[in-house]
C-alpha atoms as a PDB file:
ATOM      1  CA  MET A   1      17.687   8.679  -6.177  1.00  0.00           C
ATOM      2  CA  PRO A   2      14.118   9.201  -4.957  1.00  0.00           C
ATOM      3  CA  THR A   3      13.478  12.414  -3.056  1.00  0.00           C
ATOM      4  CA  SER A   4      11.584  12.694   0.231  1.00  0.00           C
ATOM      5  CA  THR A   5       9.589  15.257   2.158  1.00  0.00           C
ATOM      6  CA  SER A   6       7.543  15.344   5.337  1.00  0.00           C
ATOM      7  CA  PHE A   7       3.923  14.298   4.785  1.00  0.00           C
ATOM      8  CA  GLY A   8       2.674  14.891   8.332  1.00  0.00           C
ATOM      9  CA  LYS A   9       2.373  12.963  11.574  1.00  0.00           C
ATOM     10  CA  THR A  10       0.094  10.307  12.999  1.00  0.00           C
ATOM     11  CA  ALA A  11      -2.078  11.009  16.040  1.00  0.00           C
ATOM     12  CA  ASP A  12       0.631   9.527  18.288  1.00  0.00           C
ATOM     13  CA  GLY A  13       3.347  11.712  16.760  1.00  0.00           C
ATOM     14  CA  GLN A  14       5.003   9.321  14.315  1.00  0.00           C
ATOM     15  CA  GLU A  15       6.556  11.071  11.328  1.00  0.00           C
ATOM     16  CA  ILE A  16       5.151  10.230   7.891  1.00  0.00           C
ATOM     17  CA  GLN A  17       7.454  10.628   4.896  1.00  0.00           C
ATOM     18  CA  LEU A  18       6.489  11.003   1.251  1.00  0.00           C
ATOM     19  CA  PHE A  19       8.926   9.686  -1.369  1.00  0.00           C
ATOM     20  CA  THR A  20       8.896  10.571  -5.062  1.00  0.00           C
ATOM     21  CA  LEU A  21      10.319   8.247  -7.714  1.00  0.00           C
ATOM     22  CA  THR A  22      10.949   9.756 -11.167  1.00  0.00           C
ATOM     23  CA  ASN A  23      12.285   8.767 -14.566  1.00  0.00           C
ATOM     24  CA  ALA A  24      13.594  10.641 -17.617  1.00  0.00           C
ATOM     25  CA  LYS A  25      10.219  10.495 -19.387  1.00  0.00           C
ATOM     26  CA  GLY A  26       8.489  12.589 -16.725  1.00  0.00           C
ATOM     27  CA  MET A  27       6.672   9.791 -14.915  1.00  0.00           C
ATOM     28  CA  LYS A  28       6.457  10.175 -11.137  1.00  0.00           C
ATOM     29  CA  ALA A  29       5.244   7.893  -8.344  1.00  0.00           C
ATOM     30  CA  THR A  30       4.710   9.214  -4.816  1.00  0.00           C
ATOM     31  CA  ILE A  31       4.604   6.772  -1.925  1.00  0.00           C
ATOM     32  CA  SER A  32       3.882   7.441   1.736  1.00  0.00           C
ATOM     33  CA  THR A  33       5.442   5.539   4.612  1.00  0.00           C
ATOM     34  CA  TYR A  34       1.954   5.479   6.170  1.00  0.00           C
ATOM     35  CA  GLY A  35       0.576   2.225   4.845  1.00  0.00           C
ATOM     36  CA  GLY A  36       3.170   2.126   2.059  1.00  0.00           C
ATOM     37  CA  THR A  37       0.501   4.049   0.183  1.00  0.00           C
ATOM     38  CA  LEU A  38       0.781   4.967  -3.490  1.00  0.00           C
ATOM     39  CA  THR A  39      -0.627   8.503  -3.263  1.00  0.00           C
ATOM     40  CA  SER A  40      -0.181   9.535  -6.904  1.00  0.00           C
ATOM     41  CA  LEU A  41       1.118   8.201 -10.207  1.00  0.00           C
ATOM     42  CA  LEU A  42       1.807  10.882 -12.820  1.00  0.00           C
ATOM     43  CA  VAL A  43       1.955   9.327 -16.285  1.00  0.00           C
ATOM     44  CA  PRO A  44       2.618  10.955 -19.688  1.00  0.00           C
ATOM     45  CA  ASP A  45       0.233  10.097 -22.513  1.00  0.00           C
ATOM     46  CA  LYS A  46       1.244   9.641 -26.171  1.00  0.00           C
ATOM     47  CA  ASP A  47       1.398  13.433 -26.589  1.00  0.00           C
ATOM     48  CA  GLY A  48       3.480  13.963 -23.454  1.00  0.00           C
ATOM     49  CA  LYS A  49       0.613  15.325 -21.364  1.00  0.00           C
ATOM     50  CA  ILE A  50       1.054  14.218 -17.762  1.00  0.00           C
ATOM     51  CA  SER A  51      -1.894  13.259 -15.560  1.00  0.00           C
ATOM     52  CA  ASP A  52      -2.458  11.403 -12.294  1.00  0.00           C
ATOM     53  CA  VAL A  53      -3.952   7.944 -12.891  1.00  0.00           C
ATOM     54  CA  VAL A  54      -4.490   6.845  -9.274  1.00  0.00           C
ATOM     55  CA  LEU A  55      -6.799   8.231  -6.622  1.00  0.00           C
ATOM     56  CA  GLY A  56      -5.215   9.682  -3.506  1.00  0.00           C
ATOM     57  CA  PHE A  57      -5.049  12.568  -1.060  1.00  0.00           C
ATOM     58  CA  ASP A  58      -2.630  15.504  -1.275  1.00  0.00           C
ATOM     59  CA  LYS A  59      -2.187  15.589   2.500  1.00  0.00           C
ATOM     60  CA  ALA A  60      -1.735  12.906   5.157  1.00  0.00           C
ATOM     61  CA  GLU A  61      -4.782  14.204   7.013  1.00  0.00           C
ATOM     62  CA  GLY A  62      -6.985  12.670   4.335  1.00  0.00           C
ATOM     63  CA  TYR A  63      -5.719   9.180   5.149  1.00  0.00           C
ATOM     64  CA  LEU A  64      -5.832   9.755   8.913  1.00  0.00           C
ATOM     65  CA  SER A  65      -9.329  11.216   9.195  1.00  0.00           C
ATOM     66  CA  PRO A  66     -11.990   9.200  11.068  1.00  0.00           C
ATOM     67  CA  GLU A  67     -14.352   9.575   8.104  1.00  0.00           C
ATOM     68  CA  PHE A  68     -11.853   7.974   5.746  1.00  0.00           C
ATOM     69  CA  LYS A  69     -11.066   5.126   8.137  1.00  0.00           C
ATOM     70  CA  LYS A  70     -14.785   4.329   8.357  1.00  0.00           C
ATOM     71  CA  SER A  71     -15.385   4.435   4.611  1.00  0.00           C
ATOM     72  CA  ASN A  72     -12.357   3.032   2.771  1.00  0.00           C
ATOM     73  CA  PRO A  73      -9.079   2.960   4.698  1.00  0.00           C
ATOM     74  CA  TYR A  74      -7.290   0.988   1.961  1.00  0.00           C
ATOM     75  CA  PHE A  75      -6.993   3.803  -0.622  1.00  0.00           C
ATOM     76  CA  GLY A  76      -3.730   2.989  -2.458  1.00  0.00           C
ATOM     77  CA  ALA A  77      -2.239   1.181   0.541  1.00  0.00           C
ATOM     78  CA  LEU A  78      -0.300  -2.027   1.060  1.00  0.00           C
ATOM     79  CA  ILE A  79      -2.598  -4.753   2.406  1.00  0.00           C
ATOM     80  CA  GLY A  80      -1.689  -7.434   4.939  1.00  0.00           C
ATOM     81  CA  ARG A  81      -1.274  -9.711   6.613  1.00  0.00           C
ATOM     82  CA  TYR A  82      -4.096 -11.102   4.548  1.00  0.00           C
ATOM     83  CA  GLY A  83      -5.741  -9.390   1.583  1.00  0.00           C
ATOM     84  CA  ASN A  84      -9.423 -10.313   1.158  1.00  0.00           C
ATOM     85  CA  ARG A  85     -11.707 -11.846   3.779  1.00  0.00           C
ATOM     86  CA  ILE A  86     -11.255 -14.591   6.331  1.00  0.00           C
ATOM     87  CA  ALA A  87     -14.680 -15.939   7.262  1.00  0.00           C
ATOM     88  CA  LYS A  88     -15.542 -15.138  10.886  1.00  0.00           C
ATOM     89  CA  GLY A  89     -11.849 -14.266  11.372  1.00  0.00           C
ATOM     90  CA  LYS A  90     -11.054 -17.919  12.080  1.00  0.00           C
ATOM     91  CA  PHE A  91      -8.588 -20.376  10.587  1.00  0.00           C
ATOM     92  CA  THR A  92      -6.825 -23.554  11.729  1.00  0.00           C
ATOM     93  CA  ILE A  93      -3.134 -24.398  11.329  1.00  0.00           C
ATOM     94  CA  ASP A  94      -1.697 -27.718  12.521  1.00  0.00           C
ATOM     95  CA  GLY A  95      -4.820 -28.442  14.543  1.00  0.00           C
ATOM     96  CA  LYS A  96      -4.841 -25.094  16.361  1.00  0.00           C
ATOM     97  CA  GLU A  97      -7.626 -22.602  15.745  1.00  0.00           C
ATOM     98  CA  TYR A  98      -6.795 -18.907  15.568  1.00  0.00           C
ATOM     99  CA  GLN A  99      -9.132 -15.947  15.947  1.00  0.00           C
ATOM    100  CA  VAL A 100      -8.048 -12.734  14.232  1.00  0.00           C
ATOM    101  CA  GLY A 101      -9.611  -9.284  14.356  1.00  0.00           C
ATOM    102  CA  VAL A 102     -13.009  -8.967  12.674  1.00  0.00           C
ATOM    103  CA  ASN A 103     -13.903  -5.700  10.978  1.00  0.00           C
ATOM    104  CA  ASN A 104     -16.288  -6.504   8.126  1.00  0.00           C
ATOM    105  CA  ASN A 105     -19.711  -7.918   9.009  1.00  0.00           C
ATOM    106  CA  GLY A 106     -18.214 -10.477  11.349  1.00  0.00           C
ATOM    107  CA  ASN A 107     -15.347 -11.343   9.010  1.00  0.00           C
ATOM    108  CA  SER A 108     -11.715 -10.243   8.893  1.00  0.00           C
ATOM    109  CA  LEU A 109     -10.964  -7.980   5.917  1.00  0.00           C
ATOM    110  CA  HIS A 110      -7.517  -6.936   4.656  1.00  0.00           C
ATOM    111  CA  GLY A 111      -5.640  -7.698   7.880  1.00  0.00           C
ATOM    112  CA  GLY A 112      -8.240  -6.893  10.524  1.00  0.00           C
ATOM    113  CA  ASN A 113      -8.895  -3.821  12.621  1.00  0.00           C
ATOM    114  CA  VAL A 114      -5.448  -2.257  12.152  1.00  0.00           C
ATOM    115  CA  GLY A 115      -3.850  -3.767   9.069  1.00  0.00           C
ATOM    116  CA  PHE A 116      -0.649  -2.931   7.245  1.00  0.00           C
ATOM    117  CA  ASN A 117      -2.460  -0.005   5.610  1.00  0.00           C
ATOM    118  CA  GLN A 118      -2.321   1.842   8.951  1.00  0.00           C
ATOM    119  CA  LYS A 119       1.291   1.042   9.858  1.00  0.00           C
ATOM    120  CA  ILE A 120       4.384   3.211   9.482  1.00  0.00           C
ATOM    121  CA  TRP A 121       6.836   1.410   7.211  1.00  0.00           C
ATOM    122  CA  THR A 122      10.603   1.853   7.271  1.00  0.00           C
ATOM    123  CA  ALA A 123      11.789   3.251   3.940  1.00  0.00           C
ATOM    124  CA  LYS A 124      15.064   2.885   2.040  1.00  0.00           C
ATOM    125  CA  PRO A 125      15.331   4.792  -1.252  1.00  0.00           C
ATOM    126  CA  GLY A 126      17.692   3.519  -3.914  1.00  0.00           C
ATOM    127  CA  SER A 127      18.139   2.581  -7.549  1.00  0.00           C
ATOM    128  CA  ASP A 128      18.990  -0.430  -9.661  1.00  0.00           C
ATOM    129  CA  ALA A 129      19.400  -1.282 -13.341  1.00  0.00           C
ATOM    130  CA  ASP A 130      15.652  -0.795 -13.917  1.00  0.00           C
ATOM    131  CA  GLY A 131      15.304   2.618 -12.279  1.00  0.00           C
ATOM    132  CA  GLN A 132      14.626   4.316  -8.968  1.00  0.00           C
ATOM    133  CA  THR A 133      13.423   2.134  -6.099  1.00  0.00           C
ATOM    134  CA  LEU A 134      11.817   2.463  -2.699  1.00  0.00           C
ATOM    135  CA  THR A 135      12.125  -0.510  -0.366  1.00  0.00           C
ATOM    136  CA  LEU A 136       9.679  -0.604   2.543  1.00  0.00           C
ATOM    137  CA  THR A 137       9.966  -2.968   5.499  1.00  0.00           C
ATOM    138  CA  TYR A 138       7.659  -3.795   8.382  1.00  0.00           C
ATOM    139  CA  LEU A 139       7.809  -6.331  11.218  1.00  0.00           C
ATOM    140  CA  SER A 140       4.411  -7.701  12.153  1.00  0.00           C
ATOM    141  CA  LYS A 141       5.001  -9.216  15.570  1.00  0.00           C
ATOM    142  CA  ASP A 142       3.689 -12.558  16.776  1.00  0.00           C
ATOM    143  CA  GLY A 143       0.083 -12.087  17.893  1.00  0.00           C
ATOM    144  CA  GLU A 144      -0.577  -8.852  15.985  1.00  0.00           C
ATOM    145  CA  GLU A 145      -4.292  -8.891  15.093  1.00  0.00           C
ATOM    146  CA  GLY A 146      -4.269 -12.484  16.369  1.00  0.00           C
ATOM    147  CA  TYR A 147      -1.941 -13.883  13.691  1.00  0.00           C
ATOM    148  CA  PRO A 148       0.797 -16.347  14.685  1.00  0.00           C
ATOM    149  CA  GLY A 149       4.472 -15.751  14.010  1.00  0.00           C
ATOM    150  CA  ASN A 150       6.804 -12.821  13.582  1.00  0.00           C
ATOM    151  CA  LEU A 151       6.386 -11.773   9.954  1.00  0.00           C
ATOM    152  CA  ASN A 152       9.112  -9.706   8.284  1.00  0.00           C
ATOM    153  CA  VAL A 153       7.703  -8.008   5.194  1.00  0.00           C
ATOM    154  CA  THR A 154       9.637  -6.276   2.413  1.00  0.00           C
ATOM    155  CA  VAL A 155       7.931  -4.425  -0.428  1.00  0.00           C
ATOM    156  CA  THR A 156       9.894  -2.748  -3.218  1.00  0.00           C
ATOM    157  CA  TYR A 157       8.432  -0.172  -5.577  1.00  0.00           C
ATOM    158  CA  THR A 158      10.438   0.297  -8.803  1.00  0.00           C
ATOM    159  CA  LEU A 159       9.786   2.980 -11.422  1.00  0.00           C
ATOM    160  CA  THR A 160      11.407   1.832 -14.652  1.00  0.00           C
ATOM    161  CA  ALA A 161      12.823   3.813 -17.550  1.00  0.00           C
ATOM    162  CA  ASP A 162      10.016   2.564 -19.826  1.00  0.00           C
ATOM    163  CA  ASN A 163       7.215   3.892 -17.589  1.00  0.00           C
ATOM    164  CA  ALA A 164       6.359   0.768 -15.612  1.00  0.00           C
ATOM    165  CA  LEU A 165       5.708   0.761 -11.881  1.00  0.00           C
ATOM    166  CA  LYS A 166       6.626  -2.592 -10.370  1.00  0.00           C
ATOM    167  CA  ILE A 167       5.723  -3.764  -6.867  1.00  0.00           C
ATOM    168  CA  ASP A 168       7.622  -6.762  -5.486  1.00  0.00           C
ATOM    169  CA  TYR A 169       6.598  -8.463  -2.233  1.00  0.00           C
ATOM    170  CA  ALA A 170       8.564 -10.776   0.058  1.00  0.00           C
ATOM    171  CA  ALA A 171       7.862 -12.111   3.545  1.00  0.00           C
ATOM    172  CA  THR A 172       9.497 -14.491   6.008  1.00  0.00           C
ATOM    173  CA  THR A 173       8.048 -15.889   9.215  1.00  0.00           C
ATOM    174  CA  ASP A 174       9.107 -18.032  12.154  1.00  0.00           C
ATOM    175  CA  LYS A 175       5.726 -19.806  12.409  1.00  0.00           C
ATOM    176  CA  ALA A 176       3.203 -21.142   9.928  1.00  0.00           C
ATOM    177  CA  THR A 177       0.815 -18.266   9.198  1.00  0.00           C
ATOM    178  CA  PRO A 178      -1.446 -17.117   6.371  1.00  0.00           C
ATOM    179  CA  VAL A 179       0.041 -14.356   4.198  1.00  0.00           C
ATOM    180  CA  ASN A 180      -1.602 -12.667   1.213  1.00  0.00           C
ATOM    181  CA  LEU A 181      -0.042  -9.311   0.348  1.00  0.00           C
ATOM    182  CA  THR A 182      -1.319  -6.838  -2.247  1.00  0.00           C
ATOM    183  CA  ASN A 183      -1.776  -3.163  -3.083  1.00  0.00           C
ATOM    184  CA  HIS A 184      -5.179  -1.463  -3.060  1.00  0.00           C
ATOM    185  CA  ALA A 185      -4.669   1.359  -5.589  1.00  0.00           C
ATOM    186  CA  TYR A 186      -7.659   2.763  -7.464  1.00  0.00           C
ATOM    187  CA  PHE A 187      -6.866   3.616 -11.086  1.00  0.00           C
ATOM    188  CA  ASN A 188      -8.546   6.037 -13.475  1.00  0.00           C
ATOM    189  CA  LEU A 189      -6.761   5.771 -16.810  1.00  0.00           C
ATOM    190  CA  ALA A 190      -8.683   8.630 -18.444  1.00  0.00           C
ATOM    191  CA  LEU A 191      -5.705  10.893 -17.660  1.00  0.00           C
ATOM    192  CA  GLY A 192      -7.769  13.590 -16.002  1.00  0.00           C
ATOM    193  CA  GLN A 193     -10.432  13.672 -18.716  1.00  0.00           C
ATOM    194  CA  SER A 194     -13.113  11.870 -16.694  1.00  0.00           C
ATOM    195  CA  LYS A 195     -14.121  11.712 -13.034  1.00  0.00           C
ATOM    196  CA  ASP A 196     -15.273   8.105 -13.366  1.00  0.00           C
ATOM    197  CA  VAL A 197     -14.218   4.912 -15.132  1.00  0.00           C
ATOM    198  CA  LEU A 198     -17.491   4.203 -16.938  1.00  0.00           C
ATOM    199  CA  ALA A 199     -15.846   4.540 -20.362  1.00  0.00           C
ATOM    200  CA  HIS A 200     -12.990   2.153 -19.531  1.00  0.00           C
ATOM    201  CA  GLN A 201     -12.840  -1.137 -21.416  1.00  0.00           C
ATOM    202  CA  VAL A 202     -11.168  -4.230 -20.002  1.00  0.00           C
ATOM    203  CA  THR A 203      -9.844  -6.532 -22.707  1.00  0.00           C
END
């Protein structure tokens, strides 16, 4: 089963937990209930050397700081309700126009002013045939950031025995609403040998 520890508290006193998923090969994934954020992913290379391949902070304060929220508040987090931009924060469903929060040069980016990346998710650790799991749930209420409908979101992280990290998304709603969920992890696959990704090749 995944283990958990306290990761800190939000400004309004909400507890943030940090869960660690492991497998027999030494791979570890740590996930925070703040934003459902993947804070680290320790991966063994062909020689068994283990290095972190995602960018993240060691302490919750890094994710909560005003400087971080101004620069890139999506560091490793779950994104919603809508990943990417909605022009001018406006869309129409069934003849009704909706205005959602704008936060990016007059557009709505990654869920608006306070997206899923800044929410505390409810966590349930577990395991299945593939490996250890962490299931995160969040209820985005009707009208949150201007979106219609109560949206129940479930995201499951699974760390498999063959060193794969899977992320499965599901959502149900009681009204028609746009939904586009994703994760915003930043990867550096140089296994600690480089501070940038300039030598990476995408094939």
